[in-house]
Amino acid sequence: MRKILVAVKKVVDYNTRIRVKADGSGVVLDGVKMSLNPFDEIALEEAFRIRERGQAGEVIVVSIGADDVQQHLRTALAMGADRAVLVKTEAVIEPLIAAQVLLAVAKQEGAELVLLGKQAIDDDANQTGQMLAALWDRPQATFASKVELKDNVAVVTREVDAGLETIEVDLPAVITSDLRLNEPRYIKLPEIMKAKKKPLAVTEIGALGVTPAQQHKVLKTEAPAQRSRGAMVKDTAELVAALRKIGVVA
C-alpha cells in the first residue's frame, strides 16, 4: 500500500466544560481550547502503526476549515504524519459535504485506505465515514477495535451491540476507529520542531469541485438539565413509593 489518508477535525477539547450562549444560538467558542477529535487521533495512530509494519509508504492527514486549522494539522504532523492538506472554507461543514471533500482528496492522492474517527465529539453525527464509502463505492468497516492488513484485504474487528464482529473488506476501503483500537502516542519536542518543516498544502474547497451547502439549521441550543439530588430510602416499599411519586412506576 502506498498511501493512507486520515481525516481529522478540530473540536472543543474534551477536557473543556461546554457553555451555552445566553441567546441559545450555540456554544461559546471564544477563548475555548480546541484540539483534534479524539477518535481521529486514534485513526491517525493506527495509520502510523500500519506504516511502521511496512504495510504503507505514506500517511497523509487532511482537515476542512479555516486557516486556524493549520495549527492542529501541525499537531498531526508532529505525531508522525508525512504531510498535510487543509481544505480551506469558512462555511459550516455537514457530514455529506465532508464526505464529498474527502472523496475528492482521496482520488486526488490515490489513497488506498481512508481512516477517520467513528464520530466527532462536537456533533456526534457518526455519518461521514459511511457517506464517504457510499460516494466512493468502496467497502466500509466502522467501529473498528482491531485492524489487520493482508495483501489487498483488511481484516477488521468491529464493536457491535452484541459484542465483536470480524469482517474482511477489499482495499481500497474506509475504516472508522472506535475507542479501543489503540492509544495515541505522545508528541515529543523534537517531533514538534520537525513538523514545522513538513509539507502542508492549502486548497480552497471550490477547487475540489465541492460547494458547501447547509441542509440543517440549529434552532436552539440548551444545556442539559441539572441532576436532582438523590434520596435515601429505608426499604423496598419506600423506594417503590418514591418512584411512584415521580411517575417512574405506576
Protein backbone atom coordinates (compact mmCIF):
# COMPACT_ATOMS: atom_id res chain seq x y z
CA MET A 1 0.00 0.00 0.00
CA ARG A 2 1.38 3.39 -0.96
CA LYS A 3 -0.86 5.93 0.76
CA ILE A 4 -3.18 6.14 3.76
CA LEU A 5 -5.41 9.20 4.06
CA VAL A 6 -6.51 10.17 7.57
CA ALA A 7 -9.25 12.74 8.13
CA VAL A 8 -9.14 14.85 11.30
CA LYS A 9 -11.43 17.52 12.71
CA LYS A 10 -10.87 20.44 15.06
CA VAL A 11 -13.24 20.24 18.05
CA VAL A 12 -13.57 21.71 21.52
CA ASP A 13 -11.10 19.88 23.76
CA TYR A 14 -12.78 17.02 25.62
CA ASN A 15 -11.50 18.34 28.96
CA THR A 16 -13.22 21.69 28.43
CA ARG A 17 -16.54 22.47 30.09
CA ILE A 18 -19.06 23.45 27.42
CA ARG A 19 -21.01 26.67 27.97
CA VAL A 20 -24.13 27.60 26.03
CA LYS A 21 -24.51 31.15 24.71
CA ALA A 22 -27.03 33.32 26.54
CA ASP A 23 -29.26 33.58 23.46
CA GLY A 24 -29.21 29.81 22.86
CA SER A 25 -27.70 30.20 19.40
CA GLY A 26 -24.85 27.76 20.08
CA VAL A 27 -21.93 27.11 22.42
CA VAL A 28 -19.27 29.59 23.49
CA LEU A 29 -16.07 29.14 21.46
CA ASP A 30 -14.21 32.37 22.21
CA GLY A 31 -11.15 31.61 24.29
CA VAL A 32 -12.01 27.90 24.42
CA LYS A 33 -9.24 25.31 23.96
CA MET A 34 -9.59 23.39 20.70
CA SER A 35 -7.89 20.13 19.79
CA LEU A 36 -8.03 17.20 17.39
CA ASN A 37 -11.09 14.99 17.67
CA PRO A 38 -10.01 12.09 19.95
CA PHE A 39 -11.41 9.40 17.65
CA ASP A 40 -9.47 10.92 14.75
CA GLU A 41 -6.27 10.78 16.82
CA ILE A 42 -6.89 7.05 17.23
CA ALA A 43 -7.34 6.68 13.47
CA LEU A 44 -4.10 8.61 12.94
CA GLU A 45 -2.22 6.37 15.38
CA GLU A 46 -3.45 3.27 13.55
CA ALA A 47 -2.15 4.67 10.27
CA PHE A 48 1.27 5.15 11.86
CA ARG A 49 1.30 1.58 13.14
CA ILE A 50 0.41 0.24 9.72
CA ARG A 51 3.24 2.29 8.19
CA GLU A 52 5.66 1.12 10.87
CA ARG A 53 4.84 -2.50 10.00
CA GLY A 54 5.95 -1.73 6.47
CA GLN A 55 2.44 -2.02 5.05
CA ALA A 56 2.15 1.60 3.90
CA GLY A 57 4.52 4.14 2.47
CA GLU A 58 2.95 7.49 3.36
CA VAL A 59 0.40 8.87 5.83
CA ILE A 60 -1.43 11.99 4.66
CA VAL A 61 -3.64 13.93 7.06
CA VAL A 62 -6.49 16.13 5.83
CA SER A 63 -8.85 18.56 7.52
CA ILE A 64 -11.52 21.04 6.47
CA GLY A 65 -11.91 24.53 7.88
CA ALA A 66 -10.43 27.99 8.27
CA ASP A 67 -6.75 28.95 8.45
CA ASP A 68 -6.55 28.27 12.20
CA VAL A 69 -6.97 24.54 11.50
CA GLN A 70 -3.36 24.57 10.29
CA GLN A 71 -2.06 24.50 13.86
CA HIS A 72 -3.99 21.29 14.50
CA LEU A 73 -2.67 19.78 11.29
CA ARG A 74 0.82 20.65 12.56
CA THR A 75 -0.04 18.62 15.66
CA ALA A 76 -0.90 15.66 13.41
CA LEU A 77 2.39 16.16 11.57
CA ALA A 78 4.23 16.18 14.90
CA MET A 79 2.54 12.90 15.81
CA GLY A 80 4.06 11.39 12.68
CA ALA A 81 2.09 12.23 9.54
CA ASP A 82 4.24 12.72 6.44
CA ARG A 83 2.29 15.67 5.06
CA ALA A 84 -0.98 17.52 5.49
CA VAL A 85 -3.75 19.03 3.40
CA LEU A 86 -6.07 21.80 4.55
CA VAL A 87 -9.25 22.22 2.53
CA LYS A 88 -10.00 25.84 3.32
CA THR A 89 -13.51 27.15 3.88
CA GLU A 90 -15.34 29.36 6.36
CA ALA A 91 -18.64 27.55 5.74
CA VAL A 92 -20.38 25.21 8.15
CA ILE A 93 -19.43 21.69 7.07
CA GLU A 94 -22.01 18.95 7.46
CA PRO A 95 -21.19 15.22 7.07
CA LEU A 96 -22.25 14.94 3.42
CA ILE A 97 -20.06 17.87 2.36
CA ALA A 98 -17.18 16.49 4.42
CA ALA A 99 -17.58 13.14 2.67
CA GLN A 100 -17.54 14.81 -0.74
CA VAL A 101 -14.36 16.70 0.14
CA LEU A 102 -12.65 13.55 1.46
CA LEU A 103 -13.65 11.68 -1.68
CA ALA A 104 -12.07 14.36 -3.85
CA VAL A 105 -8.85 14.34 -1.82
CA ALA A 106 -8.71 10.52 -1.72
CA LYS A 107 -9.00 10.36 -5.50
CA GLN A 108 -6.50 13.17 -5.97
CA GLU A 109 -3.96 11.46 -3.72
CA GLY A 110 -4.66 7.92 -4.92
CA ALA A 111 -5.31 6.74 -1.35
CA GLU A 112 -5.77 3.02 -0.87
CA LEU A 113 -7.14 3.32 2.66
CA VAL A 114 -9.05 6.15 4.35
CA LEU A 115 -9.11 6.21 8.15
CA LEU A 116 -11.17 8.52 10.34
CA GLY A 117 -12.83 8.53 13.73
CA LYS A 118 -16.22 6.90 14.04
CA GLN A 119 -17.66 10.27 15.09
CA ALA A 120 -16.66 13.76 16.16
CA ILE A 121 -17.31 14.70 19.79
CA ASP A 122 -18.90 18.04 18.86
CA ASP A 123 -21.93 16.84 16.87
CA ASP A 124 -21.68 13.03 17.35
CA ALA A 125 -23.13 12.61 13.86
CA ASN A 126 -21.35 9.31 13.05
CA GLN A 127 -22.12 9.72 9.34
CA THR A 128 -19.05 10.93 7.42
CA GLY A 129 -17.26 7.58 7.08
CA GLN A 130 -20.37 5.79 5.88
CA MET A 131 -21.23 8.54 3.41
CA LEU A 132 -17.68 8.57 2.05
CA ALA A 133 -17.76 4.81 1.44
CA ALA A 134 -21.10 5.13 -0.37
CA LEU A 135 -19.91 8.00 -2.57
CA TRP A 136 -16.62 6.20 -3.29
CA ASP A 137 -18.45 2.91 -3.94
CA ARG A 138 -15.91 1.12 -1.75
CA PRO A 139 -16.30 -1.22 1.27
CA GLN A 140 -16.51 0.17 4.79
CA ALA A 141 -15.70 -1.17 8.25
CA THR A 142 -17.00 1.03 11.06
CA PHE A 143 -16.36 1.00 14.83
CA ALA A 144 -13.01 -0.78 14.39
CA SER A 145 -11.26 -2.09 17.52
CA LYS A 146 -8.63 -4.07 15.57
CA VAL A 147 -7.26 -3.75 12.04
CA GLU A 148 -5.02 -6.22 10.20
CA LEU A 149 -3.93 -5.89 6.58
CA LYS A 150 -3.31 -8.98 4.47
CA ASP A 151 -2.39 -8.45 0.82
CA ASN A 152 -5.30 -6.39 -0.60
CA VAL A 153 -7.69 -7.17 2.24
CA ALA A 154 -8.32 -5.54 5.62
CA VAL A 155 -9.49 -7.80 8.44
CA VAL A 156 -11.38 -5.60 10.87
CA THR A 157 -12.82 -6.44 14.28
CA ARG A 158 -15.84 -4.25 14.92
CA GLU A 159 -17.56 -3.33 18.17
CA VAL A 160 -21.27 -4.03 17.77
CA ASP A 161 -24.21 -4.19 20.16
CA ALA A 162 -23.91 -7.97 20.54
CA GLY A 163 -20.14 -7.94 21.14
CA LEU A 164 -17.42 -8.20 18.49
CA GLU A 165 -17.76 -8.88 14.78
CA THR A 166 -14.85 -9.65 12.41
CA ILE A 167 -15.21 -8.83 8.73
CA GLU A 168 -12.96 -8.70 5.67
CA VAL A 169 -13.09 -5.79 3.24
CA ASP A 170 -11.25 -5.40 -0.04
CA LEU A 171 -8.97 -2.39 -0.40
CA PRO A 172 -9.36 0.48 -1.11
CA ALA A 173 -11.74 0.88 1.81
CA VAL A 174 -12.96 3.24 4.52
CA ILE A 175 -12.36 2.32 8.18
CA THR A 176 -13.64 4.29 11.16
CA SER A 177 -11.96 3.88 14.53
CA ASP A 178 -13.52 3.06 17.87
CA LEU A 179 -12.12 3.93 21.28
CA ARG A 180 -10.36 0.63 21.95
CA LEU A 181 -8.44 0.42 18.66
CA ASN A 182 -5.26 1.85 20.22
CA GLU A 183 -3.83 4.58 22.44
CA PRO A 184 -2.36 7.56 20.54
CA ARG A 185 1.30 8.34 21.17
CA TYR A 186 2.58 11.39 23.00
CA ILE A 187 4.28 14.08 20.97
CA LYS A 188 7.96 14.70 21.69
CA LEU A 189 9.57 18.13 21.39
CA PRO A 190 11.91 17.16 18.51
CA GLU A 191 8.88 15.99 16.52
CA ILE A 192 7.17 19.35 17.07
CA MET A 193 10.21 21.09 15.61
CA LYS A 194 10.35 18.71 12.63
CA ALA A 195 6.63 19.23 11.98
CA LYS A 196 7.25 22.90 11.18
CA LYS A 197 9.18 21.85 8.07
CA LYS A 198 6.80 19.17 6.85
CA PRO A 199 4.61 19.95 3.80
CA LEU A 200 1.20 21.45 4.49
CA ALA A 201 -0.80 22.22 1.36
CA VAL A 202 -3.79 24.59 1.42
CA THR A 203 -6.51 24.32 -1.21
CA GLU A 204 -9.85 26.08 -1.50
CA ILE A 205 -12.88 23.83 -1.21
CA GLY A 206 -14.17 25.09 -4.57
CA ALA A 207 -11.00 23.86 -6.28
CA LEU A 208 -12.11 20.32 -5.43
CA GLY A 209 -15.45 20.83 -7.13
CA VAL A 210 -17.38 20.90 -3.86
CA THR A 211 -19.83 23.66 -2.98
CA PRO A 212 -20.75 23.83 0.73
CA ALA A 213 -24.50 23.70 1.33
CA GLN A 214 -26.06 23.75 4.79
CA GLN A 215 -29.06 21.41 4.93
CA HIS A 216 -29.75 21.66 8.65
CA LYS A 217 -30.33 24.68 10.85
CA VAL A 218 -29.85 24.66 14.62
CA LEU A 219 -32.89 26.38 16.07
CA LYS A 220 -31.84 26.38 19.70
CA THR A 221 -29.09 25.05 21.94
CA GLU A 222 -29.78 24.21 25.58
CA ALA A 223 -27.55 22.98 28.37
CA PRO A 224 -28.55 19.63 29.92
CA ALA A 225 -30.82 19.92 32.92
CA GLN A 226 -29.02 19.71 36.24
CA ARG A 227 -29.41 16.42 38.02
CA SER A 228 -31.57 16.50 41.10
CA ARG A 229 -30.14 15.24 44.36
CA GLY A 230 -30.65 11.62 45.27
CA ALA A 231 -32.75 10.46 48.19
CA MET A 232 -32.06 7.79 50.79
CA VAL A 233 -34.78 5.17 51.42
CA LYS A 234 -35.10 2.67 54.24
CA ASP A 235 -36.59 -0.28 52.42
CA THR A 236 -38.09 -1.53 49.14
CA ALA A 237 -41.56 -0.27 49.96
CA GLU A 238 -40.28 3.27 50.47
CA LEU A 239 -38.28 3.03 47.22
CA VAL A 240 -41.35 1.97 45.24
CA ALA A 241 -43.38 4.76 46.81
CA ALA A 242 -40.73 7.33 45.87
CA LEU A 243 -40.57 6.05 42.28
CA ARG A 244 -44.36 6.10 42.04
CA LYS A 245 -44.39 9.69 43.27
CA ILE A 246 -42.17 10.89 40.42
CA GLY A 247 -44.05 8.79 37.86
CA VAL A 248 -41.34 6.23 37.11
CA VAL A 249 -43.55 3.29 38.08
CA ALA A 250 -47.31 3.02 38.06
